[in-house]
Amino acid sequence: MSSQKHKSVDEDYAYKATYELIFQMNAADRESQSSESMLLYFGDKVSRFSSAGKFITDSIIASARSKNKSWEDLKRIQAQAPVSEFGYYIYKGIPEGKMSFIQNIMNDDYMYSENKNNFSWKILSETDSIAGFLTQKATTQFAGRDYVAWFAPEIPFSDGPYKFNGLPGLIVKIADTENHYVFELVELEKLSGSIQYFFEDTNYIKTSKKKLLQLETNYKKNPLGMLERRGISIQISDDTRRKLDQQNVEKQKKKNNPLEREL
């Protein structure tokens, strides 16, 4: 596998956009709605999107590792970090013209890449004021859902939350027509100094979207079994194992409404 290292220039990650995501994990239960803070760091060439919880957790763990903390200390620190339903990073512009989706499963980082410019937008004349910006309406379809977006031409970056991009201005708000996933900008900050990034593609296990989704599904259904297949011994009683397995099955039944319905 060839090594490809990407380093930022001064203009990369010049801005930080904070979005509130309201999401509904159970399609049949409106009461299952929850919310998380999501972060988009962006500049002229690249951007990085993740949940705030994922970013904070990884930053805390990286700092602890740099200080040679023990395994027990790392587990204690990780237990105190914010919990997030979204354990991925999305890099737009890496590789050039594409975007990379990275997710950690069982301490391995998996990555798949896909075309960045895969949205077919219909830009409409309707405008609205959202988060203090004059925005314009646009619609698109993506992964089995219909979306309505509002973008701000005065913020001349063709980017937005999650994988969304391609409009002539930053996406300030976007929601599917069922309001199962609603991203709305709550803060836009110009960074006092640009944040450099390093992206070493050999750090990740290359896979496809379909294979990563199957791996994640299998892990969530039976985490103990997958860890044991990795050679990790788990000493628990058969009765406890059955209870944990059943709890996982019931938990996953209620998480039946992914943002991407179609591959």
Protein backbone atom coordinates (compact mmCIF):
# COMPACT_ATOMS: atom_id res chain seq x y z
CA MET A 1 0.00 0.00 0.00
CA SER A 2 1.45 3.36 -0.97
CA SER A 3 1.78 6.12 1.59
CA GLN A 4 0.14 9.45 0.90
CA LYS A 5 0.52 12.23 3.46
CA HIS A 6 -1.62 15.34 3.25
CA LYS A 7 -0.56 18.49 5.09
CA SER A 8 -2.57 21.68 5.28
CA VAL A 9 -1.64 25.07 3.93
CA ASP A 10 -2.33 28.24 5.93
CA GLU A 11 -5.91 28.64 4.73
CA ASP A 12 -7.08 25.14 5.65
CA TYR A 13 -9.47 24.87 8.61
CA ALA A 14 -9.83 28.63 8.85
CA TYR A 15 -13.41 28.38 10.17
CA LYS A 16 -15.35 26.32 12.67
CA ALA A 17 -19.11 25.85 12.26
CA THR A 18 -21.11 24.36 15.12
CA TYR A 19 -24.40 22.70 14.21
CA GLU A 20 -27.14 21.27 16.36
CA LEU A 21 -28.33 17.94 15.01
CA ILE A 22 -31.81 16.81 16.03
CA PHE A 23 -32.23 13.16 15.08
CA GLN A 24 -34.74 10.35 15.51
CA MET A 25 -33.18 6.89 15.83
CA ASN A 26 -36.51 5.04 15.94
CA ALA A 27 -38.60 5.84 12.86
CA ALA A 28 -41.85 4.86 14.60
CA ASP A 29 -41.26 6.76 17.84
CA ARG A 30 -41.18 10.55 17.78
CA GLU A 31 -40.25 10.44 21.48
CA SER A 32 -36.92 8.88 20.52
CA GLN A 33 -35.71 12.24 19.22
CA SER A 34 -32.43 13.45 20.64
CA SER A 35 -29.79 16.05 19.80
CA GLU A 36 -26.03 16.42 19.58
CA SER A 37 -23.58 19.18 18.81
CA MET A 38 -21.67 18.63 15.55
CA LEU A 39 -18.50 20.38 14.33
CA LEU A 40 -17.40 21.34 10.83
CA TYR A 41 -13.85 22.68 10.45
CA PHE A 42 -13.39 24.02 6.95
CA GLY A 43 -11.32 26.15 4.62
CA ASP A 44 -10.75 26.58 0.91
CA LYS A 45 -9.62 23.04 0.13
CA VAL A 46 -10.58 20.59 2.86
CA SER A 47 -13.01 20.16 5.72
CA ARG A 48 -13.54 17.78 8.62
CA PHE A 49 -16.91 16.92 10.16
CA SER A 50 -17.66 14.99 13.34
CA SER A 51 -19.74 15.10 16.47
CA ALA A 52 -18.40 17.34 19.20
CA GLY A 53 -18.43 14.35 21.53
CA LYS A 54 -16.26 12.26 19.21
CA PHE A 55 -13.81 15.11 18.70
CA ILE A 56 -13.50 15.86 22.42
CA THR A 57 -13.11 12.18 23.34
CA ASP A 58 -10.38 11.61 20.76
CA SER A 59 -8.57 14.80 21.81
CA ILE A 60 -8.60 13.75 25.47
CA ILE A 61 -7.34 10.26 24.69
CA ALA A 62 -4.62 11.54 22.33
CA SER A 63 -3.42 13.95 25.02
CA ALA A 64 -3.38 11.18 27.64
CA ARG A 65 -1.43 8.86 25.34
CA SER A 66 1.15 11.58 24.66
CA LYS A 67 1.71 11.75 28.42
CA ASN A 68 2.24 7.97 28.59
CA LYS A 69 -0.81 7.33 30.73
CA SER A 70 -1.43 3.73 31.77
CA TRP A 71 -4.14 1.56 30.19
CA GLU A 72 -6.21 1.90 33.37
CA ASP A 73 -5.92 5.70 33.23
CA LEU A 74 -6.94 5.72 29.56
CA LYS A 75 -10.05 3.63 30.28
CA ARG A 76 -10.99 5.93 33.18
CA ILE A 77 -10.51 9.05 31.03
CA GLN A 78 -12.49 7.53 28.17
CA ALA A 79 -15.37 6.68 30.54
CA GLN A 80 -15.56 10.35 31.55
CA ALA A 81 -15.58 11.67 27.98
CA PRO A 82 -18.82 12.72 26.25
CA VAL A 83 -20.94 9.93 24.78
CA SER A 84 -21.82 10.28 21.10
CA GLU A 85 -24.14 8.33 18.82
CA PHE A 86 -21.90 9.25 15.88
CA GLY A 87 -18.40 7.81 15.95
CA TYR A 88 -17.17 8.89 12.53
CA TYR A 89 -15.13 11.61 10.83
CA ILE A 90 -15.86 12.88 7.33
CA TYR A 91 -13.06 14.59 5.39
CA LYS A 92 -14.11 16.45 2.24
CA GLY A 93 -11.36 17.11 -0.29
CA ILE A 94 -9.32 14.07 0.76
CA PRO A 95 -8.47 12.52 -1.65
CA GLU A 96 -8.80 15.49 -4.01
CA GLY A 97 -12.30 15.69 -5.48
CA LYS A 98 -13.56 13.04 -3.07
CA MET A 99 -14.44 12.61 0.57
CA SER A 100 -13.36 10.02 3.10
CA PHE A 101 -15.51 8.47 5.80
CA ILE A 102 -13.57 7.13 8.80
CA GLN A 103 -14.98 5.08 11.66
CA ASN A 104 -13.37 3.28 14.58
CA ILE A 105 -14.58 -0.24 15.37
CA MET A 106 -12.80 -2.38 17.96
CA ASN A 107 -9.83 0.02 18.02
CA ASP A 108 -9.32 -0.20 14.25
CA ASP A 109 -9.91 2.81 11.99
CA TYR A 110 -11.74 1.89 8.78
CA MET A 111 -12.02 4.21 5.80
CA TYR A 112 -13.94 4.35 2.55
CA SER A 113 -13.87 7.11 -0.05
CA GLU A 114 -16.55 8.28 -2.46
CA ASN A 115 -17.12 11.13 -4.88
CA LYS A 116 -17.53 14.50 -3.20
CA ASN A 117 -19.70 16.05 -5.91
CA ASN A 118 -22.54 13.52 -5.89
CA PHE A 119 -25.42 15.87 -5.05
CA SER A 120 -27.87 17.10 -7.65
CA TRP A 121 -29.26 20.36 -6.25
CA LYS A 122 -32.31 22.32 -7.34
CA ILE A 123 -31.81 25.95 -6.26
CA LEU A 124 -35.05 27.87 -5.64
CA SER A 125 -35.76 31.59 -5.34
CA GLU A 126 -37.23 31.40 -1.82
CA THR A 127 -35.17 33.07 0.92
CA ASP A 128 -35.23 33.14 4.72
CA SER A 129 -33.21 34.50 7.63
CA ILE A 130 -31.61 31.64 9.60
CA ALA A 131 -28.96 31.91 12.32
CA GLY A 132 -28.50 35.59 11.43
CA PHE A 133 -27.77 34.95 7.75
CA LEU A 134 -29.85 35.58 4.63
CA THR A 135 -30.27 32.14 3.13
CA GLN A 136 -31.64 30.66 -0.07
CA LYS A 137 -33.56 27.41 -0.47
CA ALA A 138 -32.37 24.32 -2.33
CA THR A 139 -33.56 20.72 -2.54
CA THR A 140 -31.91 17.39 -3.26
CA GLN A 141 -32.25 13.65 -2.78
CA PHE A 142 -29.66 11.58 -0.96
CA ALA A 143 -29.50 7.96 0.19
CA GLY A 144 -33.25 7.38 0.18
CA ARG A 145 -34.34 10.72 1.64
CA ASP A 146 -35.58 14.04 0.24
CA TYR A 147 -33.87 17.12 1.70
CA VAL A 148 -34.53 20.84 1.97
CA ALA A 149 -31.44 22.98 2.50
CA TRP A 150 -30.86 26.65 3.21
CA PHE A 151 -27.48 28.06 2.20
CA ALA A 152 -25.87 31.47 2.79
CA PRO A 153 -24.32 33.02 -0.35
CA GLU A 154 -22.51 35.54 1.89
CA ILE A 155 -20.41 32.65 3.30
CA PRO A 156 -18.64 31.63 0.07
CA PHE A 157 -17.72 28.06 0.98
CA SER A 158 -19.39 25.19 -0.83
CA ASP A 159 -19.69 22.99 2.24
CA GLY A 160 -22.07 21.89 4.95
CA PRO A 161 -22.75 19.33 7.67
CA TYR A 162 -22.29 15.59 7.19
CA LYS A 163 -21.51 14.79 3.52
CA PHE A 164 -23.58 17.66 2.14
CA ASN A 165 -21.80 20.12 -0.13
CA GLY A 166 -21.96 21.65 -3.60
CA LEU A 167 -24.07 24.77 -3.09
CA PRO A 168 -22.80 28.34 -3.73
CA GLY A 169 -22.54 29.11 -0.03
CA LEU A 170 -22.29 27.36 3.34
CA ILE A 171 -25.32 25.22 4.23
CA VAL A 172 -26.85 26.85 7.30
CA LYS A 173 -29.71 24.39 7.72
CA ILE A 174 -30.66 21.11 6.10
CA ALA A 175 -33.40 18.62 7.00
CA ASP A 176 -35.01 15.62 5.42
CA THR A 177 -38.69 16.10 4.66
CA GLU A 178 -39.69 13.80 7.53
CA ASN A 179 -37.62 15.83 10.02
CA HIS A 180 -35.79 12.72 11.17
CA TYR A 181 -32.42 14.47 10.71
CA VAL A 182 -32.19 18.25 11.07
CA PHE A 183 -28.85 20.09 11.04
CA GLU A 184 -28.92 23.79 11.93
CA LEU A 185 -26.01 26.19 12.38
CA VAL A 186 -25.75 27.68 15.86
CA GLU A 187 -22.31 29.32 15.66
CA LEU A 188 -19.79 30.28 12.99
CA GLU A 189 -16.30 31.15 14.21
CA LYS A 190 -13.33 32.46 12.24
CA LEU A 191 -10.33 30.80 13.81
CA SER A 192 -7.65 33.15 15.11
CA GLY A 193 -5.02 30.93 13.52
CA SER A 194 -5.50 28.28 10.88
CA ILE A 195 -5.50 24.69 12.16
CA GLN A 196 -3.09 22.46 10.29
CA TYR A 197 -4.00 18.86 9.68
CA PHE A 198 -2.11 15.68 8.91
CA PHE A 199 -3.79 12.82 7.14
CA GLU A 200 -1.82 9.60 6.67
CA ASP A 201 -3.90 7.20 4.62
CA THR A 202 -1.84 4.18 5.72
CA ASN A 203 -3.27 4.66 9.23
CA TYR A 204 -6.63 3.35 8.03
CA ILE A 205 -7.97 -0.01 6.87
CA LYS A 206 -9.40 0.57 3.39
CA THR A 207 -12.87 -0.86 2.84
CA SER A 208 -16.17 -0.14 1.10
CA LYS A 209 -19.26 1.57 2.48
CA LYS A 210 -21.19 -1.71 2.29
CA LYS A 211 -18.53 -3.72 4.14
CA LEU A 212 -18.10 -1.08 6.85
CA LEU A 213 -21.85 -0.91 7.44
CA GLN A 214 -22.00 -4.71 7.77
CA LEU A 215 -19.06 -4.74 10.17
CA GLU A 216 -20.67 -2.03 12.31
CA THR A 217 -24.00 -3.89 12.32
CA ASN A 218 -22.36 -7.16 13.35
CA TYR A 219 -20.40 -5.47 16.11
CA LYS A 220 -23.44 -3.72 17.55
CA LYS A 221 -25.46 -6.95 17.51
CA ASN A 222 -22.79 -9.10 19.12
CA PRO A 223 -19.82 -7.10 20.47
CA LEU A 224 -18.69 -9.87 22.82
CA GLY A 225 -18.58 -12.45 20.02
CA MET A 226 -16.61 -10.18 17.70
CA LEU A 227 -14.10 -9.32 20.43
CA GLU A 228 -13.63 -13.00 21.21
CA ARG A 229 -13.02 -13.75 17.53
CA ARG A 230 -10.22 -11.22 17.82
CA GLY A 231 -8.67 -13.41 20.51
CA ILE A 232 -9.83 -11.28 23.46
CA SER A 233 -10.94 -13.47 26.35
CA ILE A 234 -14.08 -12.31 28.18
CA GLN A 235 -14.77 -14.07 31.47
CA ILE A 236 -18.51 -13.88 32.15
CA SER A 237 -21.18 -16.47 32.96
CA ASP A 238 -23.42 -17.92 30.26
CA ASP A 239 -26.43 -16.31 31.93
CA THR A 240 -24.80 -12.87 31.89
CA ARG A 241 -23.79 -13.37 28.27
CA ARG A 242 -27.37 -14.24 27.26
CA LYS A 243 -28.71 -11.16 29.06
CA LEU A 244 -26.14 -8.88 27.40
CA ASP A 245 -26.85 -10.36 23.97
CA GLN A 246 -30.59 -9.85 24.43
CA GLN A 247 -30.06 -6.27 25.59
CA ASN A 248 -28.01 -5.56 22.46
CA VAL A 249 -30.70 -7.04 20.22
CA GLU A 250 -33.43 -4.95 21.84
CA LYS A 251 -31.28 -1.81 21.71
CA GLN A 252 -30.58 -2.20 18.01
CA LYS A 253 -34.26 -2.80 17.20
CA LYS A 254 -34.91 0.75 18.40
CA LYS A 255 -32.14 2.17 16.20
CA ASN A 256 -33.82 1.43 12.89
CA ASN A 257 -33.63 4.82 11.21
CA PRO A 258 -30.17 5.59 9.80
CA LEU A 259 -29.55 8.84 7.96
CA GLU A 260 -28.53 6.88 4.87
CA ARG A 261 -31.32 4.47 4.03
CA GLU A 262 -29.70 3.32 0.81
CA LEU A 263 -26.13 2.44 -0.01
